[in-house]
Amino acid sequence: MSSRQTLITGANGFLGAWLAKALVARGDDVKCLVRPASDASALKGIAATIVPGDVTQPASLTTAMAGVHTVFHLAGIRRGATRDDFMKVNAEGTRHVGEAMIAAGARRLVLVGSLAATGPSIDGVARVESDGFNPQEWYGESKAEAERIAFSFGDRLEVTCCRPSRILGPGDHENLQFFKLVKKGIILRIGGAERRLSFVDVEDVVDQLLLQADRPEAVGEAFFSSSDETASVEQLMRIVADALKCSPRTVVVPERVLALLGAAADVVSNLTGKKLPLNRKLARQLLAPGWTCRIDKAKKLLGYAPKRTLDDSLRRSAESYLALGWL
């Protein structure tokens, strides 16, 4: 059983908490970097050490890095008012982590990137790792830059990057709005050609992260993390309806209307400070020709195989939302 000392940045997030649980279960000595005053309730009951720190403040990383061999770098933001907001946290934060690792003598950096860095599918063709970066917005741009920065440390650290597609699973907030709409009796059908999305269960992402932390073949490489399945938003919501045992009606949303609603939601959010379920970024994602990727590389080099089906992920998510009182 492993006794490696590991550090997770952004450990109190959805994926971070699942990863911390898995690392503790396999015997790692786990440190969780959590920003001071942020909510760490997701880590409750997990036998890990919480260390205060912020990736945008290099001096705060010194204590957290002491004795660490492997760093899983998850800390980042998905929403921001300006491009600089994303770059400061997602890109420069990665630089600070790499520099702190070198100073402390840590060895392996496992960066959690994003499919957003390579952009949406082109002409319905799923993305592969050899495709160049083609981000469509600030978040994806900052994640692409984070990868470039991480691999720039490759002569001093063992660097590998995991690029998940859209993550599902119990306790996730990012996809909750789709479940809420179904619960309210609505299934969305977006106008135009069908747009397919890749999904991955949070526990499958964790499985792949552990492989990337351990396997020598992972060093110097980036890997997509996903299920082999794809689905449209409408198909996803129909599975949710079945899980929630409800019979919603289908609402067709023209492309132009969705774009306008996303822009209007951003105006309201900026004026009120309230985060709405829809925003311009989500509207653009839904209107893209598709967000799909292939996982042949992870299968071949890492021996990765997703274990959870889309149906299982959505049902487990629905059950967790009901149990938590979120629906």
C-alpha atoms as a PDB file:
ATOM      1  CA  MET A   1       0.000   0.000   0.000  1.00  0.00           C
ATOM      2  CA  SER A   2       1.267   3.472  -0.866  1.00  0.00           C
ATOM      3  CA  SER A   3       2.487   5.851   1.841  1.00  0.00           C
ATOM      4  CA  ARG A   4       3.393   8.674  -0.524  1.00  0.00           C
ATOM      5  CA  GLN A   5       2.797  12.212   0.708  1.00  0.00           C
ATOM      6  CA  THR A   6       0.548  14.084  -1.682  1.00  0.00           C
ATOM      7  CA  LEU A   7      -0.910  17.571  -1.895  1.00  0.00           C
ATOM      8  CA  ILE A   8      -4.170  18.567  -3.568  1.00  0.00           C
ATOM      9  CA  THR A   9      -4.740  22.209  -4.468  1.00  0.00           C
ATOM     10  CA  GLY A  10      -8.411  23.127  -4.709  1.00  0.00           C
ATOM     11  CA  ALA A  11      -9.123  20.087  -2.568  1.00  0.00           C
ATOM     12  CA  ASN A  12     -12.425  21.382  -1.207  1.00  0.00           C
ATOM     13  CA  GLY A  13     -14.033  21.416  -4.643  1.00  0.00           C
ATOM     14  CA  PHE A  14     -16.194  18.677  -6.118  1.00  0.00           C
ATOM     15  CA  LEU A  15     -13.416  16.719  -7.836  1.00  0.00           C
ATOM     16  CA  GLY A  16     -10.864  17.543  -5.125  1.00  0.00           C
ATOM     17  CA  ALA A  17     -12.945  16.005  -2.352  1.00  0.00           C
ATOM     18  CA  TRP A  18     -13.486  12.783  -4.321  1.00  0.00           C
ATOM     19  CA  LEU A  19      -9.759  12.622  -5.067  1.00  0.00           C
ATOM     20  CA  ALA A  20      -8.826  13.208  -1.418  1.00  0.00           C
ATOM     21  CA  LYS A  21     -11.103  10.366  -0.361  1.00  0.00           C
ATOM     22  CA  ALA A  22      -9.502   7.987  -2.870  1.00  0.00           C
ATOM     23  CA  LEU A  23      -5.942   8.935  -1.926  1.00  0.00           C
ATOM     24  CA  VAL A  24      -6.623   8.429   1.770  1.00  0.00           C
ATOM     25  CA  ALA A  25      -8.283   5.088   1.021  1.00  0.00           C
ATOM     26  CA  ARG A  26      -5.178   3.818  -0.755  1.00  0.00           C
ATOM     27  CA  GLY A  27      -2.912   4.910   2.097  1.00  0.00           C
ATOM     28  CA  ASP A  28      -1.440   8.223   0.994  1.00  0.00           C
ATOM     29  CA  ASP A  29      -0.561  10.914   3.517  1.00  0.00           C
ATOM     30  CA  VAL A  30      -2.774  13.640   2.068  1.00  0.00           C
ATOM     31  CA  LYS A  31      -2.549  17.401   2.457  1.00  0.00           C
ATOM     32  CA  CYS A  32      -5.390  19.577   1.178  1.00  0.00           C
ATOM     33  CA  LEU A  33      -4.600  23.164   0.235  1.00  0.00           C
ATOM     34  CA  VAL A  34      -7.656  25.274   0.994  1.00  0.00           C
ATOM     35  CA  ARG A  35      -7.944  29.044   0.751  1.00  0.00           C
ATOM     36  CA  PRO A  36      -8.423  30.679   4.163  1.00  0.00           C
ATOM     37  CA  ALA A  37     -12.083  31.288   5.027  1.00  0.00           C
ATOM     38  CA  SER A  38     -13.332  29.154   2.126  1.00  0.00           C
ATOM     39  CA  ASP A  39     -15.855  26.353   2.643  1.00  0.00           C
ATOM     40  CA  ALA A  40     -14.092  23.070   3.422  1.00  0.00           C
ATOM     41  CA  SER A  41     -17.233  21.117   4.323  1.00  0.00           C
ATOM     42  CA  ALA A  42     -16.729  18.772   1.338  1.00  0.00           C
ATOM     43  CA  LEU A  43     -13.666  17.366   3.142  1.00  0.00           C
ATOM     44  CA  LYS A  44     -15.522  16.584   6.353  1.00  0.00           C
ATOM     45  CA  GLY A  45     -14.856  13.017   7.498  1.00  0.00           C
ATOM     46  CA  ILE A  46     -11.829  12.554   5.213  1.00  0.00           C
ATOM     47  CA  ALA A  47      -8.599  11.802   7.094  1.00  0.00           C
ATOM     48  CA  ALA A  48      -6.524  14.448   5.341  1.00  0.00           C
ATOM     49  CA  THR A  49      -4.636  17.460   6.688  1.00  0.00           C
ATOM     50  CA  ILE A  50      -6.110  20.807   5.676  1.00  0.00           C
ATOM     51  CA  VAL A  51      -3.412  23.414   5.038  1.00  0.00           C
ATOM     52  CA  PRO A  52      -4.354  27.070   4.452  1.00  0.00           C
ATOM     53  CA  GLY A  53      -2.935  28.524   1.260  1.00  0.00           C
ATOM     54  CA  ASP A  54      -3.707  30.269  -2.000  1.00  0.00           C
ATOM     55  CA  VAL A  55      -2.057  29.522  -5.346  1.00  0.00           C
ATOM     56  CA  THR A  56      -2.097  33.234  -6.179  1.00  0.00           C
ATOM     57  CA  GLN A  57       0.080  33.913  -3.100  1.00  0.00           C
ATOM     58  CA  PRO A  58       3.395  32.042  -3.556  1.00  0.00           C
ATOM     59  CA  ALA A  59       4.572  32.531   0.035  1.00  0.00           C
ATOM     60  CA  SER A  60       1.535  30.627   1.317  1.00  0.00           C
ATOM     61  CA  LEU A  61       2.598  27.455  -0.540  1.00  0.00           C
ATOM     62  CA  THR A  62       5.881  26.845   1.314  1.00  0.00           C
ATOM     63  CA  THR A  63       4.429  25.033   4.322  1.00  0.00           C
ATOM     64  CA  ALA A  64       2.021  22.990   2.204  1.00  0.00           C
ATOM     65  CA  MET A  65       4.813  21.669  -0.036  1.00  0.00           C
ATOM     66  CA  ALA A  66       7.088  20.417   2.750  1.00  0.00           C
ATOM     67  CA  GLY A  67       7.801  16.694   2.298  1.00  0.00           C
ATOM     68  CA  VAL A  68       5.426  16.332  -0.634  1.00  0.00           C
ATOM     69  CA  HIS A  69       6.209  14.010  -3.554  1.00  0.00           C
ATOM     70  CA  THR A  70       3.132  14.443  -5.780  1.00  0.00           C
ATOM     71  CA  VAL A  71       0.946  17.509  -6.290  1.00  0.00           C
ATOM     72  CA  PHE A  72      -2.497  17.275  -7.866  1.00  0.00           C
ATOM     73  CA  HIS A  73      -3.151  20.824  -9.039  1.00  0.00           C
ATOM     74  CA  LEU A  74      -6.907  21.381  -9.228  1.00  0.00           C
ATOM     75  CA  ALA A  75      -7.236  24.934  -7.903  1.00  0.00           C
ATOM     76  CA  GLY A  76      -8.775  27.332 -10.392  1.00  0.00           C
ATOM     77  CA  ILE A  77     -11.799  29.421 -11.264  1.00  0.00           C
ATOM     78  CA  ARG A  78     -14.508  28.738 -13.836  1.00  0.00           C
ATOM     79  CA  ARG A  79     -16.090  32.198 -13.682  1.00  0.00           C
ATOM     80  CA  GLY A  80     -14.488  35.625 -13.704  1.00  0.00           C
ATOM     81  CA  ALA A  81     -15.274  39.187 -14.730  1.00  0.00           C
ATOM     82  CA  THR A  82     -12.129  39.728 -16.815  1.00  0.00           C
ATOM     83  CA  ARG A  83      -9.495  37.777 -18.711  1.00  0.00           C
ATOM     84  CA  ASP A  84      -6.968  38.797 -16.069  1.00  0.00           C
ATOM     85  CA  ASP A  85      -9.078  37.106 -13.382  1.00  0.00           C
ATOM     86  CA  PHE A  86      -8.744  33.761 -15.169  1.00  0.00           C
ATOM     87  CA  MET A  87      -5.070  34.198 -15.998  1.00  0.00           C
ATOM     88  CA  LYS A  88      -4.140  35.219 -12.454  1.00  0.00           C
ATOM     89  CA  VAL A  89      -5.611  32.094 -10.892  1.00  0.00           C
ATOM     90  CA  ASN A  90      -5.570  29.389 -13.552  1.00  0.00           C
ATOM     91  CA  ALA A  91      -2.350  30.227 -15.379  1.00  0.00           C
ATOM     92  CA  GLU A  92      -0.115  32.151 -12.964  1.00  0.00           C
ATOM     93  CA  GLY A  93      -1.364  30.009 -10.089  1.00  0.00           C
ATOM     94  CA  THR A  94       0.067  27.012 -11.954  1.00  0.00           C
ATOM     95  CA  ARG A  95       3.408  28.802 -12.266  1.00  0.00           C
ATOM     96  CA  HIS A  96       3.468  29.439  -8.518  1.00  0.00           C
ATOM     97  CA  VAL A  97       2.704  25.781  -7.795  1.00  0.00           C
ATOM     98  CA  GLY A  98       5.499  24.578 -10.093  1.00  0.00           C
ATOM     99  CA  GLU A  99       8.027  26.965  -8.579  1.00  0.00           C
ATOM    100  CA  ALA A 100       7.032  25.965  -5.041  1.00  0.00           C
ATOM    101  CA  MET A 101       7.378  22.284  -5.931  1.00  0.00           C
ATOM    102  CA  ILE A 102      10.912  22.795  -7.250  1.00  0.00           C
ATOM    103  CA  ALA A 103      11.909  24.754  -4.158  1.00  0.00           C
ATOM    104  CA  ALA A 104      10.544  22.002  -1.898  1.00  0.00           C
ATOM    105  CA  GLY A 105      11.974  19.069  -3.864  1.00  0.00           C
ATOM    106  CA  ALA A 106       8.588  17.654  -4.919  1.00  0.00           C
ATOM    107  CA  ARG A 107       8.629  15.361  -7.965  1.00  0.00           C
ATOM    108  CA  ARG A 108       5.375  14.852  -9.877  1.00  0.00           C
ATOM    109  CA  LEU A 109       2.883  17.490 -10.940  1.00  0.00           C
ATOM    110  CA  VAL A 110      -0.519  16.213 -12.050  1.00  0.00           C
ATOM    111  CA  LEU A 111      -2.346  19.158 -13.569  1.00  0.00           C
ATOM    112  CA  VAL A 112      -6.099  19.040 -14.058  1.00  0.00           C
ATOM    113  CA  GLY A 113      -6.714  20.860 -17.316  1.00  0.00           C
ATOM    114  CA  SER A 114      -9.875  20.957 -19.408  1.00  0.00           C
ATOM    115  CA  LEU A 115     -11.386  20.016 -22.749  1.00  0.00           C
ATOM    116  CA  ALA A 116     -12.129  23.756 -22.977  1.00  0.00           C
ATOM    117  CA  ALA A 117      -8.433  24.368 -23.740  1.00  0.00           C
ATOM    118  CA  THR A 118      -8.723  22.543 -27.072  1.00  0.00           C
ATOM    119  CA  GLY A 119     -12.127  23.962 -27.893  1.00  0.00           C
ATOM    120  CA  PRO A 120     -15.272  22.379 -29.298  1.00  0.00           C
ATOM    121  CA  SER A 121     -15.483  19.610 -31.873  1.00  0.00           C
ATOM    122  CA  ILE A 122     -14.976  20.653 -35.473  1.00  0.00           C
ATOM    123  CA  ASP A 123     -17.369  19.225 -38.068  1.00  0.00           C
ATOM    124  CA  GLY A 124     -18.531  16.652 -35.535  1.00  0.00           C
ATOM    125  CA  VAL A 125     -15.052  15.139 -35.096  1.00  0.00           C
ATOM    126  CA  ALA A 126     -14.045  14.355 -31.501  1.00  0.00           C
ATOM    127  CA  ARG A 127     -10.911  16.067 -30.227  1.00  0.00           C
ATOM    128  CA  VAL A 128      -7.681  14.108 -29.721  1.00  0.00           C
ATOM    129  CA  GLU A 129      -4.575  15.115 -27.804  1.00  0.00           C
ATOM    130  CA  SER A 130      -2.564  15.873 -30.945  1.00  0.00           C
ATOM    131  CA  ASP A 131      -5.034  18.637 -31.867  1.00  0.00           C
ATOM    132  CA  GLY A 132      -3.765  22.128 -31.123  1.00  0.00           C
ATOM    133  CA  PHE A 133      -5.265  24.438 -28.528  1.00  0.00           C
ATOM    134  CA  ASN A 134      -8.333  26.296 -29.797  1.00  0.00           C
ATOM    135  CA  PRO A 135     -10.038  27.860 -26.751  1.00  0.00           C
ATOM    136  CA  GLN A 136     -13.229  29.816 -27.371  1.00  0.00           C
ATOM    137  CA  GLU A 137     -13.332  31.926 -24.211  1.00  0.00           C
ATOM    138  CA  TRP A 138     -11.180  33.191 -21.349  1.00  0.00           C
ATOM    139  CA  TYR A 139     -11.549  30.089 -19.204  1.00  0.00           C
ATOM    140  CA  GLY A 140     -10.326  27.781 -21.960  1.00  0.00           C
ATOM    141  CA  GLU A 141      -7.554  30.218 -22.840  1.00  0.00           C
ATOM    142  CA  SER A 142      -6.344  30.264 -19.242  1.00  0.00           C
ATOM    143  CA  LYS A 143      -6.399  26.453 -19.034  1.00  0.00           C
ATOM    144  CA  ALA A 144      -4.359  26.212 -22.237  1.00  0.00           C
ATOM    145  CA  GLU A 145      -1.819  28.626 -20.781  1.00  0.00           C
ATOM    146  CA  ALA A 146      -1.765  26.629 -17.533  1.00  0.00           C
ATOM    147  CA  GLU A 147      -0.727  23.554 -19.547  1.00  0.00           C
ATOM    148  CA  ARG A 148       2.024  25.447 -21.324  1.00  0.00           C
ATOM    149  CA  ILE A 149       3.345  26.713 -18.006  1.00  0.00           C
ATOM    150  CA  ALA A 150       3.138  23.291 -16.343  1.00  0.00           C
ATOM    151  CA  PHE A 151       5.062  21.541 -19.117  1.00  0.00           C
ATOM    152  CA  SER A 152       7.690  24.302 -19.085  1.00  0.00           C
ATOM    153  CA  PHE A 153       8.817  22.736 -15.784  1.00  0.00           C
ATOM    154  CA  GLY A 154       9.330  19.389 -17.511  1.00  0.00           C
ATOM    155  CA  ASP A 155      13.110  19.501 -17.151  1.00  0.00           C
ATOM    156  CA  ARG A 156      12.776  19.706 -13.368  1.00  0.00           C
ATOM    157  CA  LEU A 157       9.477  18.002 -12.578  1.00  0.00           C
ATOM    158  CA  GLU A 158       7.548  14.950 -13.778  1.00  0.00           C
ATOM    159  CA  VAL A 159       4.606  16.738 -15.383  1.00  0.00           C
ATOM    160  CA  THR A 160       1.383  15.232 -16.699  1.00  0.00           C
ATOM    161  CA  CYS A 161      -2.007  16.763 -17.497  1.00  0.00           C
ATOM    162  CA  CYS A 162      -5.522  15.321 -17.304  1.00  0.00           C
ATOM    163  CA  ARG A 163      -8.188  17.039 -19.415  1.00  0.00           C
ATOM    164  CA  PRO A 164     -11.656  15.966 -18.247  1.00  0.00           C
ATOM    165  CA  SER A 165     -14.756  16.445 -20.338  1.00  0.00           C
ATOM    166  CA  ARG A 166     -17.929  17.530 -18.487  1.00  0.00           C
ATOM    167  CA  ILE A 167     -17.818  15.852 -15.067  1.00  0.00           C
ATOM    168  CA  LEU A 168     -20.893  14.249 -13.490  1.00  0.00           C
ATOM    169  CA  GLY A 169     -21.471  12.640 -10.128  1.00  0.00           C
ATOM    170  CA  PRO A 170     -22.949  12.919  -6.646  1.00  0.00           C
ATOM    171  CA  GLY A 171     -22.507  16.365  -5.133  1.00  0.00           C
ATOM    172  CA  ASP A 172     -21.736  18.194  -8.398  1.00  0.00           C
ATOM    173  CA  HIS A 173     -23.039  21.759  -8.737  1.00  0.00           C
ATOM    174  CA  GLU A 174     -22.103  22.492 -12.353  1.00  0.00           C
ATOM    175  CA  ASN A 175     -24.850  20.321 -13.870  1.00  0.00           C
ATOM    176  CA  LEU A 176     -27.449  20.882 -11.169  1.00  0.00           C
ATOM    177  CA  GLN A 177     -29.387  23.412 -13.271  1.00  0.00           C
ATOM    178  CA  PHE A 178     -30.275  20.713 -15.811  1.00  0.00           C
ATOM    179  CA  PHE A 179     -31.726  18.549 -13.040  1.00  0.00           C
ATOM    180  CA  LYS A 180     -33.675  21.502 -11.635  1.00  0.00           C
ATOM    181  CA  LEU A 181     -35.216  22.230 -15.019  1.00  0.00           C
ATOM    182  CA  VAL A 182     -36.312  18.610 -15.382  1.00  0.00           C
ATOM    183  CA  LYS A 183     -37.754  18.677 -11.870  1.00  0.00           C
ATOM    184  CA  LYS A 184     -39.742  21.764 -12.894  1.00  0.00           C
ATOM    185  CA  GLY A 185     -41.134  19.861 -15.886  1.00  0.00           C
ATOM    186  CA  ILE A 186     -38.888  21.094 -18.696  1.00  0.00           C
ATOM    187  CA  ILE A 187     -36.577  19.333 -21.138  1.00  0.00           C
ATOM    188  CA  LEU A 188     -34.582  21.578 -23.455  1.00  0.00           C
ATOM    189  CA  ARG A 189     -34.177  20.929 -27.145  1.00  0.00           C
ATOM    190  CA  ILE A 190     -31.766  23.431 -28.659  1.00  0.00           C
ATOM    191  CA  GLY A 191     -32.566  24.498 -32.210  1.00  0.00           C
ATOM    192  CA  GLY A 192     -30.346  23.577 -35.110  1.00  0.00           C
ATOM    193  CA  ALA A 193     -28.285  20.444 -35.658  1.00  0.00           C
ATOM    194  CA  GLU A 194     -27.821  17.980 -32.816  1.00  0.00           C
ATOM    195  CA  ARG A 195     -24.835  18.842 -30.625  1.00  0.00           C
ATOM    196  CA  ARG A 196     -23.198  15.984 -28.771  1.00  0.00           C
ATOM    197  CA  LEU A 197     -21.231  16.255 -25.545  1.00  0.00           C
ATOM    198  CA  SER A 198     -18.698  14.003 -23.851  1.00  0.00           C
ATOM    199  CA  PHE A 199     -19.213  13.263 -20.169  1.00  0.00           C
ATOM    200  CA  VAL A 200     -17.234  11.508 -17.458  1.00  0.00           C
ATOM    201  CA  ASP A 201     -18.078  10.274 -13.978  1.00  0.00           C
ATOM    202  CA  VAL A 202     -16.113  11.945 -11.188  1.00  0.00           C
ATOM    203  CA  GLU A 203     -14.857   8.582  -9.929  1.00  0.00           C
ATOM    204  CA  ASP A 204     -13.538   7.721 -13.386  1.00  0.00           C
ATOM    205  CA  VAL A 205     -11.597  10.995 -13.423  1.00  0.00           C
ATOM    206  CA  VAL A 206     -10.148  10.088 -10.024  1.00  0.00           C
ATOM    207  CA  ASP A 207      -9.136   6.655 -11.330  1.00  0.00           C
ATOM    208  CA  GLN A 208      -7.291   8.295 -14.206  1.00  0.00           C
ATOM    209  CA  LEU A 209      -5.604  10.865 -11.960  1.00  0.00           C
ATOM    210  CA  LEU A 210      -4.205   8.048  -9.815  1.00  0.00           C
ATOM    211  CA  LEU A 211      -2.839   6.356 -12.928  1.00  0.00           C
ATOM    212  CA  GLN A 212      -1.232   9.595 -14.076  1.00  0.00           C
ATOM    213  CA  ALA A 213       0.351  10.040 -10.667  1.00  0.00           C
ATOM    214  CA  ASP A 214       1.872   6.556 -10.706  1.00  0.00           C
ATOM    215  CA  ARG A 215       2.596   5.500 -14.261  1.00  0.00           C
ATOM    216  CA  PRO A 216       5.945   6.490 -15.836  1.00  0.00           C
ATOM    217  CA  GLU A 217       4.214   6.572 -19.238  1.00  0.00           C
ATOM    218  CA  ALA A 218       2.218   9.593 -18.095  1.00  0.00           C
ATOM    219  CA  VAL A 219       5.220  11.896 -17.732  1.00  0.00           C
ATOM    220  CA  GLY A 220       5.363  14.622 -20.354  1.00  0.00           C
ATOM    221  CA  GLU A 221       1.909  13.755 -21.681  1.00  0.00           C
ATOM    222  CA  ALA A 222      -1.608  15.198 -21.644  1.00  0.00           C
ATOM    223  CA  PHE A 223      -4.642  12.902 -21.672  1.00  0.00           C
ATOM    224  CA  PHE A 224      -8.344  13.450 -22.172  1.00  0.00           C
ATOM    225  CA  SER A 225     -10.515  11.880 -19.474  1.00  0.00           C
ATOM    226  CA  SER A 226     -13.992  10.875 -20.538  1.00  0.00           C
ATOM    227  CA  SER A 227     -16.544   8.168 -20.997  1.00  0.00           C
ATOM    228  CA  ASP A 228     -16.841   6.500 -24.376  1.00  0.00           C
ATOM    229  CA  GLU A 229     -20.451   7.705 -24.456  1.00  0.00           C
ATOM    230  CA  THR A 230     -21.747  10.994 -25.819  1.00  0.00           C
ATOM    231  CA  ALA A 231     -25.181  12.572 -25.603  1.00  0.00           C
ATOM    232  CA  SER A 232     -27.065  15.732 -26.448  1.00  0.00           C
ATOM    233  CA  VAL A 233     -28.449  17.960 -23.690  1.00  0.00           C
ATOM    234  CA  GLU A 234     -31.938  16.708 -24.521  1.00  0.00           C
ATOM    235  CA  GLN A 235     -30.876  13.063 -24.199  1.00  0.00           C
ATOM    236  CA  LEU A 236     -29.141  13.805 -20.912  1.00  0.00           C
ATOM    237  CA  MET A 237     -32.272  15.466 -19.530  1.00  0.00           C
ATOM    238  CA  ARG A 238     -34.450  12.526 -20.576  1.00  0.00           C
ATOM    239  CA  ILE A 239     -32.258  10.173 -18.548  1.00  0.00           C
ATOM    240  CA  VAL A 240     -32.595  12.584 -15.614  1.00  0.00           C
ATOM    241  CA  ALA A 241     -36.386  12.614 -16.026  1.00  0.00           C
ATOM    242  CA  ASP A 242     -36.437   8.835 -15.843  1.00  0.00           C
ATOM    243  CA  ALA A 243     -34.249   8.904 -12.724  1.00  0.00           C
ATOM    244  CA  LEU A 244     -36.516  11.483 -11.070  1.00  0.00           C
ATOM    245  CA  LYS A 245     -39.640   9.620 -12.225  1.00  0.00           C
ATOM    246  CA  CYS A 246     -41.224  12.675 -13.803  1.00  0.00           C
ATOM    247  CA  SER A 247     -42.734  13.447 -17.220  1.00  0.00           C
ATOM    248  CA  PRO A 248     -41.535  16.873 -18.347  1.00  0.00           C
ATOM    249  CA  ARG A 249     -42.504  18.580 -21.598  1.00  0.00           C
ATOM    250  CA  THR A 250     -39.988  19.389 -24.313  1.00  0.00           C
ATOM    251  CA  VAL A 251     -39.295  23.072 -24.933  1.00  0.00           C
ATOM    252  CA  VAL A 252     -37.545  24.013 -28.168  1.00  0.00           C
ATOM    253  CA  VAL A 253     -35.147  26.926 -27.699  1.00  0.00           C
ATOM    254  CA  PRO A 254     -34.019  28.613 -30.942  1.00  0.00           C
ATOM    255  CA  GLU A 255     -30.288  29.282 -31.130  1.00  0.00           C
ATOM    256  CA  ARG A 256     -30.709  33.054 -31.254  1.00  0.00           C
ATOM    257  CA  VAL A 257     -33.013  33.045 -28.237  1.00  0.00           C
ATOM    258  CA  LEU A 258     -30.526  31.022 -26.162  1.00  0.00           C
ATOM    259  CA  ALA A 259     -27.714  33.442 -27.063  1.00  0.00           C
ATOM    260  CA  LEU A 260     -29.850  36.442 -26.078  1.00  0.00           C
ATOM    261  CA  LEU A 261     -30.916  34.822 -22.807  1.00  0.00           C
ATOM    262  CA  GLY A 262     -27.279  34.117 -21.918  1.00  0.00           C
ATOM    263  CA  ALA A 263     -26.292  37.723 -22.575  1.00  0.00           C
ATOM    264  CA  ALA A 264     -29.259  39.038 -20.585  1.00  0.00           C
ATOM    265  CA  ALA A 265     -28.441  36.753 -17.662  1.00  0.00           C
ATOM    266  CA  ASP A 266     -24.908  38.161 -17.525  1.00  0.00           C
ATOM    267  CA  VAL A 267     -26.298  41.700 -17.345  1.00  0.00           C
ATOM    268  CA  VAL A 268     -28.570  40.729 -14.452  1.00  0.00           C
ATOM    269  CA  SER A 269     -25.727  38.937 -12.656  1.00  0.00           C
ATOM    270  CA  ASN A 270     -23.432  41.947 -13.032  1.00  0.00           C
ATOM    271  CA  LEU A 271     -26.089  44.315 -11.714  1.00  0.00           C
ATOM    272  CA  THR A 272     -27.293  42.201  -8.806  1.00  0.00           C
ATOM    273  CA  GLY A 273     -24.257  40.073  -7.974  1.00  0.00           C
ATOM    274  CA  LYS A 274     -26.497  37.003  -8.120  1.00  0.00           C
ATOM    275  CA  LYS A 275     -25.254  33.993 -10.126  1.00  0.00           C
ATOM    276  CA  LEU A 276     -27.969  32.709 -12.431  1.00  0.00           C
ATOM    277  CA  PRO A 277     -28.215  29.160 -13.841  1.00  0.00           C
ATOM    278  CA  LEU A 278     -27.681  30.497 -17.366  1.00  0.00           C
ATOM    279  CA  ASN A 279     -24.910  32.821 -18.522  1.00  0.00           C
ATOM    280  CA  ARG A 280     -23.224  33.820 -21.764  1.00  0.00           C
ATOM    281  CA  LYS A 281     -20.476  31.234 -21.297  1.00  0.00           C
ATOM    282  CA  LEU A 282     -22.917  28.336 -20.840  1.00  0.00           C
ATOM    283  CA  ALA A 283     -25.008  29.540 -23.792  1.00  0.00           C
ATOM    284  CA  ARG A 284     -21.922  29.582 -26.013  1.00  0.00           C
ATOM    285  CA  GLN A 285     -20.968  26.099 -24.856  1.00  0.00           C
ATOM    286  CA  LEU A 286     -24.431  24.762 -25.629  1.00  0.00           C
ATOM    287  CA  LEU A 287     -24.450  26.431 -29.048  1.00  0.00           C
ATOM    288  CA  ALA A 288     -21.040  25.070 -30.073  1.00  0.00           C
ATOM    289  CA  PRO A 289     -21.129  22.265 -32.682  1.00  0.00           C
ATOM    290  CA  GLY A 290     -20.254  19.755 -29.943  1.00  0.00           C
ATOM    291  CA  TRP A 291     -17.799  19.080 -27.127  1.00  0.00           C
ATOM    292  CA  THR A 292     -16.467  15.572 -27.605  1.00  0.00           C
ATOM    293  CA  CYS A 293     -13.093  13.899 -27.185  1.00  0.00           C
ATOM    294  CA  ARG A 294     -11.507  10.469 -27.609  1.00  0.00           C
ATOM    295  CA  ILE A 295      -9.689   8.559 -24.870  1.00  0.00           C
ATOM    296  CA  ASP A 296      -7.660   6.120 -26.969  1.00  0.00           C
ATOM    297  CA  LYS A 297      -4.383   7.558 -25.672  1.00  0.00           C
ATOM    298  CA  ALA A 298      -5.284   7.069 -21.991  1.00  0.00           C
ATOM    299  CA  LYS A 299      -6.439   3.533 -22.727  1.00  0.00           C
ATOM    300  CA  LYS A 300      -3.243   2.650 -24.584  1.00  0.00           C
ATOM    301  CA  LEU A 301      -0.588   4.313 -22.396  1.00  0.00           C
ATOM    302  CA  LEU A 302      -2.234   4.172 -18.972  1.00  0.00           C
ATOM    303  CA  GLY A 303      -4.514   1.169 -19.182  1.00  0.00           C
ATOM    304  CA  TYR A 304      -7.423   3.464 -18.346  1.00  0.00           C
ATOM    305  CA  ALA A 305     -10.974   2.228 -18.774  1.00  0.00           C
ATOM    306  CA  PRO A 306     -14.074   4.162 -17.633  1.00  0.00           C
ATOM    307  CA  LYS A 307     -16.218   2.017 -15.347  1.00  0.00           C
ATOM    308  CA  ARG A 308     -19.373   4.114 -14.951  1.00  0.00           C
ATOM    309  CA  THR A 309     -22.015   4.624 -17.622  1.00  0.00           C
ATOM    310  CA  LEU A 310     -23.693   7.945 -18.314  1.00  0.00           C
ATOM    311  CA  ASP A 311     -26.975   6.511 -17.083  1.00  0.00           C
ATOM    312  CA  ASP A 312     -25.366   5.433 -13.803  1.00  0.00           C
ATOM    313  CA  SER A 313     -23.670   8.799 -13.284  1.00  0.00           C
ATOM    314  CA  LEU A 314     -26.882  10.737 -13.821  1.00  0.00           C
ATOM    315  CA  ARG A 315     -28.904   8.459 -11.554  1.00  0.00           C
ATOM    316  CA  ARG A 316     -26.332   8.690  -8.758  1.00  0.00           C
ATOM    317  CA  SER A 317     -26.279  12.470  -9.177  1.00  0.00           C
ATOM    318  CA  ALA A 318     -30.072  12.664  -8.971  1.00  0.00           C
ATOM    319  CA  GLU A 319     -30.132  10.521  -5.843  1.00  0.00           C
ATOM    320  CA  SER A 320     -27.505  12.715  -4.184  1.00  0.00           C
ATOM    321  CA  TYR A 321     -29.360  15.927  -5.049  1.00  0.00           C
ATOM    322  CA  LEU A 322     -32.556  14.581  -3.566  1.00  0.00           C
ATOM    323  CA  ALA A 323     -30.763  13.394  -0.417  1.00  0.00           C
ATOM    324  CA  LEU A 324     -29.070  16.799  -0.011  1.00  0.00           C
ATOM    325  CA  GLY A 325     -32.331  18.672  -0.543  1.00  0.00           C
ATOM    326  CA  TRP A 326     -31.052  20.434  -3.657  1.00  0.00           C
ATOM    327  CA  LEU A 327     -34.053  19.435  -5.754  1.00  0.00           C
END
